[in-house]
Amino acid sequence: MARIGAELRRQDFIEATVKVIAEYGVANATTRRIAMAADSPLASLHYVFHTKDELFYAVYESLINMPQPTLEHVPAGATAAESVAQMLRQLVRWFAARPDLATAQFELYTWTLRNNPEMASKIYAVSGEATEQAIARFSGSQLDKAALTTISRLFINLFDGLLLSWSAHCDLERLEAETETACQALELLVASY
């Protein structure tokens, strides 16, 4: 049997955790169930991730980083307002095409907020920083730090609200219409700077 490197195994466990959380919820995402979903011995899971919190944080980091390449497709010459709105459209579409990831993200954040508020705060801060950096890349030097912080917070709130609403109504057409309304609001905010 060929040995699998720790980094590859790490990614297997992250993907298995997302599937298990999406199917069973965080409360039922046992390490045994996650190891089985990754087709790996339980000991390997505990070798790669020493604690469940460490595994859950890695999942959340992965959920923050996965869609980043999608955000690179903002049209050249777009204004900062158009760029930020396009980023929101693309991010919503990316997660809508991967409902298990959206479900896992909500489940995990809600569980973390209840069971490990310190980690929840850290996750929110990391999400905010990643969003600020992405917005800064596409808006150039048009926005100062205070504007970036305000815009990124609204961006995150709109994104989370859109996906939460969609998870309740499961209507992609409605999601697209609501996303367009959110993008208009975001464009107005960014243009005001």
C-alpha atoms as a PDB file:
ATOM      1  CA  MET A   1       0.000   0.000   0.000  1.00  0.00           C
ATOM      2  CA  ALA A   2       1.412   3.399  -0.999  1.00  0.00           C
ATOM      3  CA  ARG A   3       1.845   5.993   1.695  1.00  0.00           C
ATOM      4  CA  ILE A   4      -0.149   9.182   1.341  1.00  0.00           C
ATOM      5  CA  GLY A   5       1.612  12.409   2.273  1.00  0.00           C
ATOM      6  CA  ALA A   6       0.387  14.405   5.273  1.00  0.00           C
ATOM      7  CA  GLU A   7      -0.714  17.392   3.154  1.00  0.00           C
ATOM      8  CA  LEU A   8      -2.774  15.221   0.817  1.00  0.00           C
ATOM      9  CA  ARG A   9      -4.245  13.356   3.764  1.00  0.00           C
ATOM     10  CA  ARG A  10      -4.993  16.708   5.428  1.00  0.00           C
ATOM     11  CA  GLN A  11      -7.019  17.788   2.389  1.00  0.00           C
ATOM     12  CA  ASP A  12      -8.829  14.419   2.339  1.00  0.00           C
ATOM     13  CA  PHE A  13      -9.872  14.951   5.958  1.00  0.00           C
ATOM     14  CA  ILE A  14     -11.027  18.516   5.257  1.00  0.00           C
ATOM     15  CA  GLU A  15     -13.161  17.369   2.314  1.00  0.00           C
ATOM     16  CA  ALA A  16     -14.555  14.448   4.316  1.00  0.00           C
ATOM     17  CA  THR A  17     -15.398  16.778   7.196  1.00  0.00           C
ATOM     18  CA  VAL A  18     -17.338  19.088   4.872  1.00  0.00           C
ATOM     19  CA  LYS A  19     -19.337  16.125   3.539  1.00  0.00           C
ATOM     20  CA  VAL A  20     -20.036  14.749   7.000  1.00  0.00           C
ATOM     21  CA  ILE A  21     -21.080  18.140   8.388  1.00  0.00           C
ATOM     22  CA  ALA A  22     -23.336  18.807   5.385  1.00  0.00           C
ATOM     23  CA  GLU A  23     -24.996  15.408   5.802  1.00  0.00           C
ATOM     24  CA  TYR A  24     -25.102  14.918   9.582  1.00  0.00           C
ATOM     25  CA  GLY A  25     -24.448  18.336  11.126  1.00  0.00           C
ATOM     26  CA  VAL A  26     -21.499  19.350  13.266  1.00  0.00           C
ATOM     27  CA  ALA A  27     -22.827  17.687  16.416  1.00  0.00           C
ATOM     28  CA  ASN A  28     -22.763  14.332  14.618  1.00  0.00           C
ATOM     29  CA  ALA A  29     -19.486  14.886  12.810  1.00  0.00           C
ATOM     30  CA  THR A  30     -17.516  12.432  14.894  1.00  0.00           C
ATOM     31  CA  THR A  31     -13.872  11.815  14.141  1.00  0.00           C
ATOM     32  CA  ARG A  32     -14.718   8.173  13.467  1.00  0.00           C
ATOM     33  CA  ARG A  33     -17.353   9.163  10.885  1.00  0.00           C
ATOM     34  CA  ILE A  34     -14.937  11.676   9.287  1.00  0.00           C
ATOM     35  CA  ALA A  35     -12.140   9.107   9.079  1.00  0.00           C
ATOM     36  CA  MET A  36     -14.535   6.624   7.455  1.00  0.00           C
ATOM     37  CA  ALA A  37     -15.645   9.267   4.923  1.00  0.00           C
ATOM     38  CA  ALA A  38     -11.978   9.930   4.120  1.00  0.00           C
ATOM     39  CA  ASP A  39     -11.367   6.173   3.808  1.00  0.00           C
ATOM     40  CA  SER A  40      -8.613   6.453   6.366  1.00  0.00           C
ATOM     41  CA  PRO A  41      -7.750   4.997   9.758  1.00  0.00           C
ATOM     42  CA  LEU A  42      -8.936   7.041  12.728  1.00  0.00           C
ATOM     43  CA  ALA A  43      -5.347   7.198  13.994  1.00  0.00           C
ATOM     44  CA  SER A  44      -4.320   9.029  10.811  1.00  0.00           C
ATOM     45  CA  LEU A  45      -6.942  11.691  11.442  1.00  0.00           C
ATOM     46  CA  HIS A  46      -5.657  12.193  14.982  1.00  0.00           C
ATOM     47  CA  TYR A  47      -2.088  12.306  13.688  1.00  0.00           C
ATOM     48  CA  VAL A  48      -2.851  15.066  11.173  1.00  0.00           C
ATOM     49  CA  PHE A  49      -5.284  17.007  13.400  1.00  0.00           C
ATOM     50  CA  HIS A  50      -4.585  16.767  17.098  1.00  0.00           C
ATOM     51  CA  THR A  51      -7.960  18.226  18.111  1.00  0.00           C
ATOM     52  CA  LYS A  52     -11.379  18.516  16.561  1.00  0.00           C
ATOM     53  CA  ASP A  53     -11.179  22.310  16.888  1.00  0.00           C
ATOM     54  CA  GLU A  54      -7.966  22.225  14.840  1.00  0.00           C
ATOM     55  CA  LEU A  55      -9.749  20.203  12.151  1.00  0.00           C
ATOM     56  CA  PHE A  56     -12.781  22.509  12.147  1.00  0.00           C
ATOM     57  CA  TYR A  57     -10.577  25.599  11.879  1.00  0.00           C
ATOM     58  CA  ALA A  58      -8.753  24.024   8.916  1.00  0.00           C
ATOM     59  CA  VAL A  59     -12.127  23.368   7.272  1.00  0.00           C
ATOM     60  CA  TYR A  60     -13.127  26.980   7.726  1.00  0.00           C
ATOM     61  CA  GLU A  61      -9.795  28.231   6.347  1.00  0.00           C
ATOM     62  CA  SER A  62     -10.335  25.985   3.354  1.00  0.00           C
ATOM     63  CA  LEU A  63     -13.849  27.380   2.839  1.00  0.00           C
ATOM     64  CA  ILE A  64     -12.409  30.899   2.877  1.00  0.00           C
ATOM     65  CA  ASN A  65      -9.616  30.054   0.414  1.00  0.00           C
ATOM     66  CA  MET A  66     -11.408  27.713  -2.025  1.00  0.00           C
ATOM     67  CA  PRO A  67     -13.425  30.323  -3.941  1.00  0.00           C
ATOM     68  CA  GLN A  68     -10.551  32.852  -4.162  1.00  0.00           C
ATOM     69  CA  PRO A  69      -9.519  31.881  -7.732  1.00  0.00           C
ATOM     70  CA  THR A  70     -13.092  32.544  -8.869  1.00  0.00           C
ATOM     71  CA  LEU A  71     -12.769  36.134  -7.713  1.00  0.00           C
ATOM     72  CA  GLU A  72      -9.915  36.718 -10.145  1.00  0.00           C
ATOM     73  CA  HIS A  73     -12.406  37.037 -13.017  1.00  0.00           C
ATOM     74  CA  VAL A  74     -13.372  40.677 -12.533  1.00  0.00           C
ATOM     75  CA  PRO A  75     -13.505  42.530 -15.875  1.00  0.00           C
ATOM     76  CA  ALA A  76     -10.547  44.770 -16.645  1.00  0.00           C
ATOM     77  CA  GLY A  77     -11.364  48.466 -16.500  1.00  0.00           C
ATOM     78  CA  ALA A  78     -14.250  48.024 -14.085  1.00  0.00           C
ATOM     79  CA  THR A  79     -14.743  50.647 -11.406  1.00  0.00           C
ATOM     80  CA  ALA A  80     -14.159  49.719  -7.785  1.00  0.00           C
ATOM     81  CA  ALA A  81     -17.937  49.594  -7.277  1.00  0.00           C
ATOM     82  CA  GLU A  82     -18.461  47.315 -10.289  1.00  0.00           C
ATOM     83  CA  SER A  83     -15.566  45.087  -9.222  1.00  0.00           C
ATOM     84  CA  VAL A  84     -16.861  44.576  -5.688  1.00  0.00           C
ATOM     85  CA  ALA A  85     -20.376  43.833  -6.970  1.00  0.00           C
ATOM     86  CA  GLN A  86     -18.966  41.328  -9.455  1.00  0.00           C
ATOM     87  CA  MET A  87     -16.993  39.650  -6.665  1.00  0.00           C
ATOM     88  CA  LEU A  88     -20.210  39.176  -4.683  1.00  0.00           C
ATOM     89  CA  ARG A  89     -22.007  37.729  -7.732  1.00  0.00           C
ATOM     90  CA  GLN A  90     -19.194  35.286  -8.381  1.00  0.00           C
ATOM     91  CA  LEU A  91     -18.898  34.203  -4.767  1.00  0.00           C
ATOM     92  CA  VAL A  92     -22.633  33.554  -4.445  1.00  0.00           C
ATOM     93  CA  ARG A  93     -22.631  31.591  -7.716  1.00  0.00           C
ATOM     94  CA  TRP A  94     -19.604  29.578  -6.620  1.00  0.00           C
ATOM     95  CA  PHE A  95     -21.248  28.498  -3.358  1.00  0.00           C
ATOM     96  CA  ALA A  96     -24.662  27.991  -5.007  1.00  0.00           C
ATOM     97  CA  ALA A  97     -22.981  25.461  -7.290  1.00  0.00           C
ATOM     98  CA  ARG A  98     -21.620  23.725  -4.174  1.00  0.00           C
ATOM     99  CA  PRO A  99     -24.507  23.582  -1.684  1.00  0.00           C
ATOM    100  CA  ASP A 100     -22.695  21.131   0.605  1.00  0.00           C
ATOM    101  CA  LEU A 101     -19.994  23.729   1.179  1.00  0.00           C
ATOM    102  CA  ALA A 102     -22.554  26.427   1.955  1.00  0.00           C
ATOM    103  CA  THR A 103     -24.362  24.117   4.374  1.00  0.00           C
ATOM    104  CA  ALA A 104     -21.132  23.050   6.066  1.00  0.00           C
ATOM    105  CA  GLN A 105     -20.016  26.664   6.437  1.00  0.00           C
ATOM    106  CA  PHE A 106     -23.246  27.688   8.199  1.00  0.00           C
ATOM    107  CA  GLU A 107     -23.361  24.586  10.358  1.00  0.00           C
ATOM    108  CA  LEU A 108     -19.742  24.928  11.372  1.00  0.00           C
ATOM    109  CA  TYR A 109     -19.850  28.648  12.134  1.00  0.00           C
ATOM    110  CA  THR A 110     -23.036  28.356  14.188  1.00  0.00           C
ATOM    111  CA  TRP A 111     -21.621  25.423  16.143  1.00  0.00           C
ATOM    112  CA  THR A 112     -18.326  27.246  16.685  1.00  0.00           C
ATOM    113  CA  LEU A 113     -20.105  30.395  17.837  1.00  0.00           C
ATOM    114  CA  ARG A 114     -21.937  28.344  20.454  1.00  0.00           C
ATOM    115  CA  ASN A 115     -19.077  26.059  21.519  1.00  0.00           C
ATOM    116  CA  ASN A 116     -15.891  28.041  20.949  1.00  0.00           C
ATOM    117  CA  PRO A 117     -16.618  31.793  20.740  1.00  0.00           C
ATOM    118  CA  GLU A 118     -12.901  32.625  20.646  1.00  0.00           C
ATOM    119  CA  MET A 119     -12.411  30.529  17.515  1.00  0.00           C
ATOM    120  CA  ALA A 120     -15.593  32.024  16.001  1.00  0.00           C
ATOM    121  CA  SER A 121     -14.139  35.506  16.491  1.00  0.00           C
ATOM    122  CA  LYS A 122     -10.891  34.401  14.886  1.00  0.00           C
ATOM    123  CA  ILE A 123     -12.771  32.886  11.924  1.00  0.00           C
ATOM    124  CA  TYR A 124     -14.745  36.098  11.418  1.00  0.00           C
ATOM    125  CA  ALA A 125     -11.558  38.171  11.581  1.00  0.00           C
ATOM    126  CA  VAL A 126      -9.808  35.933   9.029  1.00  0.00           C
ATOM    127  CA  SER A 127     -12.845  36.132   6.730  1.00  0.00           C
ATOM    128  CA  GLY A 128     -12.825  39.907   7.048  1.00  0.00           C
ATOM    129  CA  GLU A 129      -9.117  40.158   6.274  1.00  0.00           C
ATOM    130  CA  ALA A 130      -9.423  37.882   3.231  1.00  0.00           C
ATOM    131  CA  THR A 131     -12.381  39.902   1.956  1.00  0.00           C
ATOM    132  CA  GLU A 132     -10.545  43.198   2.506  1.00  0.00           C
ATOM    133  CA  GLN A 133      -7.509  41.901   0.620  1.00  0.00           C
ATOM    134  CA  ALA A 134      -9.631  40.701  -2.302  1.00  0.00           C
ATOM    135  CA  ILE A 135     -11.498  44.000  -2.494  1.00  0.00           C
ATOM    136  CA  ALA A 136      -8.237  45.955  -2.299  1.00  0.00           C
ATOM    137  CA  ARG A 137      -6.802  43.934  -5.201  1.00  0.00           C
ATOM    138  CA  PHE A 138      -9.702  44.793  -7.465  1.00  0.00           C
ATOM    139  CA  SER A 139     -10.357  48.346  -6.376  1.00  0.00           C
ATOM    140  CA  GLY A 140      -6.740  49.475  -6.653  1.00  0.00           C
ATOM    141  CA  SER A 141      -5.791  52.347  -4.388  1.00  0.00           C
ATOM    142  CA  GLN A 142      -9.237  53.930  -4.643  1.00  0.00           C
ATOM    143  CA  LEU A 143     -10.291  52.894  -1.144  1.00  0.00           C
ATOM    144  CA  ASP A 144      -8.648  53.674   2.182  1.00  0.00           C
ATOM    145  CA  LYS A 145      -8.438  51.228   5.104  1.00  0.00           C
ATOM    146  CA  ALA A 146     -11.608  52.492   6.807  1.00  0.00           C
ATOM    147  CA  ALA A 147     -13.603  52.156   3.578  1.00  0.00           C
ATOM    148  CA  LEU A 148     -12.199  48.667   2.953  1.00  0.00           C
ATOM    149  CA  THR A 149     -13.213  47.561   6.441  1.00  0.00           C
ATOM    150  CA  THR A 150     -16.748  48.941   6.093  1.00  0.00           C
ATOM    151  CA  ILE A 151     -17.223  47.504   2.605  1.00  0.00           C
ATOM    152  CA  SER A 152     -15.836  44.092   3.526  1.00  0.00           C
ATOM    153  CA  ARG A 153     -18.146  43.832   6.536  1.00  0.00           C
ATOM    154  CA  LEU A 154     -21.192  44.661   4.414  1.00  0.00           C
ATOM    155  CA  PHE A 155     -19.951  42.245   1.738  1.00  0.00           C
ATOM    156  CA  ILE A 156     -19.726  39.408   4.282  1.00  0.00           C
ATOM    157  CA  ASN A 157     -23.131  40.238   5.771  1.00  0.00           C
ATOM    158  CA  LEU A 158     -24.777  40.341   2.345  1.00  0.00           C
ATOM    159  CA  PHE A 159     -23.094  37.110   1.283  1.00  0.00           C
ATOM    160  CA  ASP A 160     -24.040  35.254   4.457  1.00  0.00           C
ATOM    161  CA  GLY A 161     -27.597  36.575   4.303  1.00  0.00           C
ATOM    162  CA  LEU A 162     -28.026  35.595   0.662  1.00  0.00           C
ATOM    163  CA  LEU A 163     -26.843  32.037   1.246  1.00  0.00           C
ATOM    164  CA  LEU A 164     -28.860  31.645   4.433  1.00  0.00           C
ATOM    165  CA  SER A 165     -31.985  32.839   2.636  1.00  0.00           C
ATOM    166  CA  TRP A 166     -31.267  30.531  -0.301  1.00  0.00           C
ATOM    167  CA  SER A 167     -30.830  27.566   2.026  1.00  0.00           C
ATOM    168  CA  ALA A 168     -34.374  28.209   3.231  1.00  0.00           C
ATOM    169  CA  HIS A 169     -36.108  28.831  -0.109  1.00  0.00           C
ATOM    170  CA  CYS A 170     -33.865  26.737  -2.440  1.00  0.00           C
ATOM    171  CA  ASP A 171     -34.859  28.880  -5.439  1.00  0.00           C
ATOM    172  CA  LEU A 172     -31.880  29.746  -7.671  1.00  0.00           C
ATOM    173  CA  GLU A 173     -33.814  32.373  -9.641  1.00  0.00           C
ATOM    174  CA  ARG A 174     -34.770  34.105  -6.426  1.00  0.00           C
ATOM    175  CA  LEU A 175     -31.159  33.871  -5.227  1.00  0.00           C
ATOM    176  CA  GLU A 176     -29.947  35.562  -8.416  1.00  0.00           C
ATOM    177  CA  ALA A 177     -32.557  38.344  -8.104  1.00  0.00           C
ATOM    178  CA  GLU A 178     -31.674  38.909  -4.443  1.00  0.00           C
ATOM    179  CA  THR A 179     -27.978  38.870  -5.312  1.00  0.00           C
ATOM    180  CA  GLU A 180     -28.526  41.589  -7.914  1.00  0.00           C
ATOM    181  CA  THR A 181     -30.318  43.746  -5.332  1.00  0.00           C
ATOM    182  CA  ALA A 182     -27.439  43.197  -2.895  1.00  0.00           C
ATOM    183  CA  CYS A 183     -24.916  44.054  -5.623  1.00  0.00           C
ATOM    184  CA  GLN A 184     -26.709  47.332  -6.332  1.00  0.00           C
ATOM    185  CA  ALA A 185     -26.561  48.257  -2.653  1.00  0.00           C
ATOM    186  CA  LEU A 186     -22.891  47.331  -2.504  1.00  0.00           C
ATOM    187  CA  GLU A 187     -22.123  49.350  -5.636  1.00  0.00           C
ATOM    188  CA  LEU A 188     -23.816  52.410  -4.140  1.00  0.00           C
ATOM    189  CA  LEU A 189     -21.777  52.083  -0.950  1.00  0.00           C
ATOM    190  CA  VAL A 190     -18.468  51.643  -2.771  1.00  0.00           C
ATOM    191  CA  ALA A 191     -19.228  54.510  -5.168  1.00  0.00           C
ATOM    192  CA  SER A 192     -19.905  56.798  -2.187  1.00  0.00           C
ATOM    193  CA  TYR A 193     -16.217  56.560  -1.299  1.00  0.00           C
END
